[in-house]
């Protein structure tokens, strides 16, 4: 029995189709790999289209794609936000603690600590300076 060999058919893509795929890539809807798998197009062809039709990516610039780089960036930014929120929370607790300490000191000493011109300390320093 003779083995049947099937030749693949050549496909031609319209300019509109190519431009639409480049636009989808630039908007972040698909990666080059996803376009390649979805439409059965080689990555080399997709890159050629990008170099030809892209507004941002022209030949001569290396476009590096990391797998899940977008997801990794989001994770890093989320972790940074969490860290900053924690720092803000700690600072707020410290501010509230210090304000409460000032309140207690004002009650115990009977002076207004927050307003410097009314404190005994500022009056005492005036008396010392005048001597």
C-alpha atoms as a PDB file:
ATOM      1  CA  UNK A   1       0.000   0.000   0.000  1.00  0.00           C
ATOM      2  CA  UNK A   2       1.209   3.374  -0.911  1.00  0.00           C
ATOM      3  CA  UNK A   3       1.201   5.981   1.817  1.00  0.00           C
ATOM      4  CA  UNK A   4      -0.881   9.027   0.989  1.00  0.00           C
ATOM      5  CA  UNK A   5       0.894  12.301   1.489  1.00  0.00           C
ATOM      6  CA  UNK A   6      -1.291  15.316   2.054  1.00  0.00           C
ATOM      7  CA  UNK A   7       0.119  18.697   1.230  1.00  0.00           C
ATOM      8  CA  UNK A   8      -0.957  21.533   3.427  1.00  0.00           C
ATOM      9  CA  UNK A   9      -2.894  24.239   1.730  1.00  0.00           C
ATOM     10  CA  UNK A  10      -1.482  27.711   1.673  1.00  0.00           C
ATOM     11  CA  UNK A  11      -3.547  30.260   3.473  1.00  0.00           C
ATOM     12  CA  UNK A  12      -3.627  33.929   2.691  1.00  0.00           C
ATOM     13  CA  UNK A  13      -4.735  36.493   5.213  1.00  0.00           C
ATOM     14  CA  UNK A  14      -6.226  39.802   4.269  1.00  0.00           C
ATOM     15  CA  UNK A  15      -4.577  43.014   5.348  1.00  0.00           C
ATOM     16  CA  UNK A  16      -7.628  43.821   7.506  1.00  0.00           C
ATOM     17  CA  UNK A  17      -7.293  40.478   9.290  1.00  0.00           C
ATOM     18  CA  UNK A  18      -3.588  41.051   9.955  1.00  0.00           C
ATOM     19  CA  UNK A  19      -4.208  44.581  11.226  1.00  0.00           C
ATOM     20  CA  UNK A  20      -7.013  43.397  13.492  1.00  0.00           C
ATOM     21  CA  UNK A  21      -4.770  40.720  15.054  1.00  0.00           C
ATOM     22  CA  UNK A  22      -1.988  43.260  15.603  1.00  0.00           C
ATOM     23  CA  UNK A  23      -4.509  45.624  17.197  1.00  0.00           C
ATOM     24  CA  UNK A  24      -5.775  42.850  19.499  1.00  0.00           C
ATOM     25  CA  UNK A  25      -2.174  42.112  20.463  1.00  0.00           C
ATOM     26  CA  UNK A  26      -1.435  45.770  21.219  1.00  0.00           C
ATOM     27  CA  UNK A  27      -4.585  46.119  23.342  1.00  0.00           C
ATOM     28  CA  UNK A  28      -3.435  43.136  25.400  1.00  0.00           C
ATOM     29  CA  UNK A  29      -6.317  40.866  24.432  1.00  0.00           C
ATOM     30  CA  UNK A  30      -3.942  38.150  23.199  1.00  0.00           C
ATOM     31  CA  UNK A  31      -0.247  37.348  23.362  1.00  0.00           C
ATOM     32  CA  UNK A  32       1.704  36.274  20.306  1.00  0.00           C
ATOM     33  CA  UNK A  33       1.579  32.676  21.520  1.00  0.00           C
ATOM     34  CA  UNK A  34      -2.187  32.819  22.022  1.00  0.00           C
ATOM     35  CA  UNK A  35      -2.740  34.242  18.528  1.00  0.00           C
ATOM     36  CA  UNK A  36      -0.494  31.546  17.108  1.00  0.00           C
ATOM     37  CA  UNK A  37      -2.459  28.744  18.744  1.00  0.00           C
ATOM     38  CA  UNK A  38      -5.924  30.238  18.163  1.00  0.00           C
ATOM     39  CA  UNK A  39      -5.490  30.873  14.463  1.00  0.00           C
ATOM     40  CA  UNK A  40      -2.823  28.317  13.527  1.00  0.00           C
ATOM     41  CA  UNK A  41      -0.372  31.004  12.457  1.00  0.00           C
ATOM     42  CA  UNK A  42       3.337  30.790  13.082  1.00  0.00           C
ATOM     43  CA  UNK A  43       4.760  33.208  15.627  1.00  0.00           C
ATOM     44  CA  UNK A  44       7.218  34.429  13.020  1.00  0.00           C
ATOM     45  CA  UNK A  45       4.328  35.529  10.797  1.00  0.00           C
ATOM     46  CA  UNK A  46       2.629  37.301  13.675  1.00  0.00           C
ATOM     47  CA  UNK A  47       5.840  39.153  14.501  1.00  0.00           C
ATOM     48  CA  UNK A  48       6.172  40.166  10.846  1.00  0.00           C
ATOM     49  CA  UNK A  49       2.653  41.579  10.984  1.00  0.00           C
ATOM     50  CA  UNK A  50       3.467  43.422  14.209  1.00  0.00           C
ATOM     51  CA  UNK A  51       6.576  44.984  12.670  1.00  0.00           C
ATOM     52  CA  UNK A  52       4.631  45.934   9.572  1.00  0.00           C
ATOM     53  CA  UNK A  53       1.321  47.219  11.015  1.00  0.00           C
ATOM     54  CA  UNK A  54       2.056  48.168  14.613  1.00  0.00           C
ATOM     55  CA  UNK A  55       2.104  51.782  15.664  1.00  0.00           C
ATOM     56  CA  UNK A  56       4.356  51.074  18.655  1.00  0.00           C
ATOM     57  CA  UNK A  57       6.501  48.083  17.736  1.00  0.00           C
ATOM     58  CA  UNK A  58       8.752  48.585  14.771  1.00  0.00           C
ATOM     59  CA  UNK A  59      11.519  46.307  13.594  1.00  0.00           C
ATOM     60  CA  UNK A  60      14.781  46.978  15.325  1.00  0.00           C
ATOM     61  CA  UNK A  61      13.291  46.856  18.791  1.00  0.00           C
ATOM     62  CA  UNK A  62      13.379  43.566  20.620  1.00  0.00           C
ATOM     63  CA  UNK A  63      10.062  42.627  22.112  1.00  0.00           C
ATOM     64  CA  UNK A  64      10.548  40.305  25.046  1.00  0.00           C
ATOM     65  CA  UNK A  65       7.595  38.379  26.349  1.00  0.00           C
ATOM     66  CA  UNK A  66       7.796  36.552  29.620  1.00  0.00           C
ATOM     67  CA  UNK A  67       5.313  33.897  30.413  1.00  0.00           C
ATOM     68  CA  UNK A  68       2.853  35.296  32.952  1.00  0.00           C
ATOM     69  CA  UNK A  69       4.838  38.548  33.209  1.00  0.00           C
ATOM     70  CA  UNK A  70       1.599  40.532  33.519  1.00  0.00           C
ATOM     71  CA  UNK A  71       0.346  38.277  36.275  1.00  0.00           C
ATOM     72  CA  UNK A  72       3.679  38.523  38.078  1.00  0.00           C
ATOM     73  CA  UNK A  73       3.614  42.325  37.852  1.00  0.00           C
ATOM     74  CA  UNK A  74       0.086  42.410  39.306  1.00  0.00           C
ATOM     75  CA  UNK A  75       1.174  40.111  42.157  1.00  0.00           C
ATOM     76  CA  UNK A  76       4.171  42.337  42.910  1.00  0.00           C
ATOM     77  CA  UNK A  77       2.072  45.505  42.859  1.00  0.00           C
ATOM     78  CA  UNK A  78      -0.611  43.901  45.030  1.00  0.00           C
ATOM     79  CA  UNK A  79       2.035  42.852  47.549  1.00  0.00           C
ATOM     80  CA  UNK A  80       3.479  46.384  47.538  1.00  0.00           C
ATOM     81  CA  UNK A  81       0.015  47.892  48.095  1.00  0.00           C
ATOM     82  CA  UNK A  82      -0.554  45.515  51.012  1.00  0.00           C
ATOM     83  CA  UNK A  83       2.824  46.477  52.491  1.00  0.00           C
ATOM     84  CA  UNK A  84       2.092  50.204  52.141  1.00  0.00           C
ATOM     85  CA  UNK A  85      -1.386  49.816  53.643  1.00  0.00           C
ATOM     86  CA  UNK A  86       0.173  48.017  56.599  1.00  0.00           C
ATOM     87  CA  UNK A  87       2.700  50.836  57.041  1.00  0.00           C
ATOM     88  CA  UNK A  88      -0.056  53.461  56.909  1.00  0.00           C
ATOM     89  CA  UNK A  89      -2.047  51.478  59.479  1.00  0.00           C
ATOM     90  CA  UNK A  90       0.940  51.291  61.803  1.00  0.00           C
ATOM     91  CA  UNK A  91       1.567  55.026  61.441  1.00  0.00           C
ATOM     92  CA  UNK A  92      -2.087  55.763  62.185  1.00  0.00           C
ATOM     93  CA  UNK A  93      -1.945  53.639  65.340  1.00  0.00           C
ATOM     94  CA  UNK A  94       1.198  55.491  66.426  1.00  0.00           C
ATOM     95  CA  UNK A  95      -0.443  58.878  65.773  1.00  0.00           C
ATOM     96  CA  UNK A  96      -3.516  57.871  67.785  1.00  0.00           C
ATOM     97  CA  UNK A  97      -1.292  56.601  70.612  1.00  0.00           C
ATOM     98  CA  UNK A  98       0.709  59.839  70.734  1.00  0.00           C
ATOM     99  CA  UNK A  99      -2.448  61.963  70.633  1.00  0.00           C
ATOM    100  CA  UNK A 100      -3.858  59.943  73.557  1.00  0.00           C
ATOM    101  CA  UNK A 101      -0.582  60.414  75.475  1.00  0.00           C
ATOM    102  CA  UNK A 102      -0.786  64.170  74.892  1.00  0.00           C
ATOM    103  CA  UNK A 103      -4.382  64.117  76.113  1.00  0.00           C
ATOM    104  CA  UNK A 104      -3.396  62.303  79.325  1.00  0.00           C
ATOM    105  CA  UNK A 105      -0.440  64.629  79.875  1.00  0.00           C
ATOM    106  CA  UNK A 106      -2.690  67.673  79.416  1.00  0.00           C
ATOM    107  CA  UNK A 107      -5.115  66.283  82.028  1.00  0.00           C
ATOM    108  CA  UNK A 108      -2.350  65.357  84.479  1.00  0.00           C
ATOM    109  CA  UNK A 109      -0.400  68.620  84.219  1.00  0.00           C
ATOM    110  CA  UNK A 110      -3.320  70.920  83.498  1.00  0.00           C
ATOM    111  CA  UNK A 111      -1.628  72.556  80.518  1.00  0.00           C
ATOM    112  CA  UNK A 112      -2.324  72.759  76.796  1.00  0.00           C
ATOM    113  CA  UNK A 113       0.613  70.910  75.220  1.00  0.00           C
ATOM    114  CA  UNK A 114      -0.540  71.180  71.620  1.00  0.00           C
ATOM    115  CA  UNK A 115      -0.464  75.001  71.627  1.00  0.00           C
ATOM    116  CA  UNK A 116       3.108  76.044  72.384  1.00  0.00           C
ATOM    117  CA  UNK A 117       2.330  79.661  73.283  1.00  0.00           C
ATOM    118  CA  UNK A 118       0.134  78.562  76.247  1.00  0.00           C
ATOM    119  CA  UNK A 119       2.471  75.996  77.782  1.00  0.00           C
ATOM    120  CA  UNK A 120       4.433  76.522  80.990  1.00  0.00           C
ATOM    121  CA  UNK A 121       7.547  75.451  79.165  1.00  0.00           C
ATOM    122  CA  UNK A 122       7.367  78.321  76.686  1.00  0.00           C
ATOM    123  CA  UNK A 123       6.573  80.758  79.520  1.00  0.00           C
ATOM    124  CA  UNK A 124       9.457  79.345  81.569  1.00  0.00           C
ATOM    125  CA  UNK A 125      11.834  79.705  78.635  1.00  0.00           C
ATOM    126  CA  UNK A 126      10.775  83.358  78.254  1.00  0.00           C
ATOM    127  CA  UNK A 127      11.571  83.975  81.919  1.00  0.00           C
ATOM    128  CA  UNK A 128      14.950  82.294  81.604  1.00  0.00           C
ATOM    129  CA  UNK A 129      15.827  84.196  78.429  1.00  0.00           C
ATOM    130  CA  UNK A 130      14.939  87.550  80.008  1.00  0.00           C
ATOM    131  CA  UNK A 131      17.259  87.037  83.024  1.00  0.00           C
END
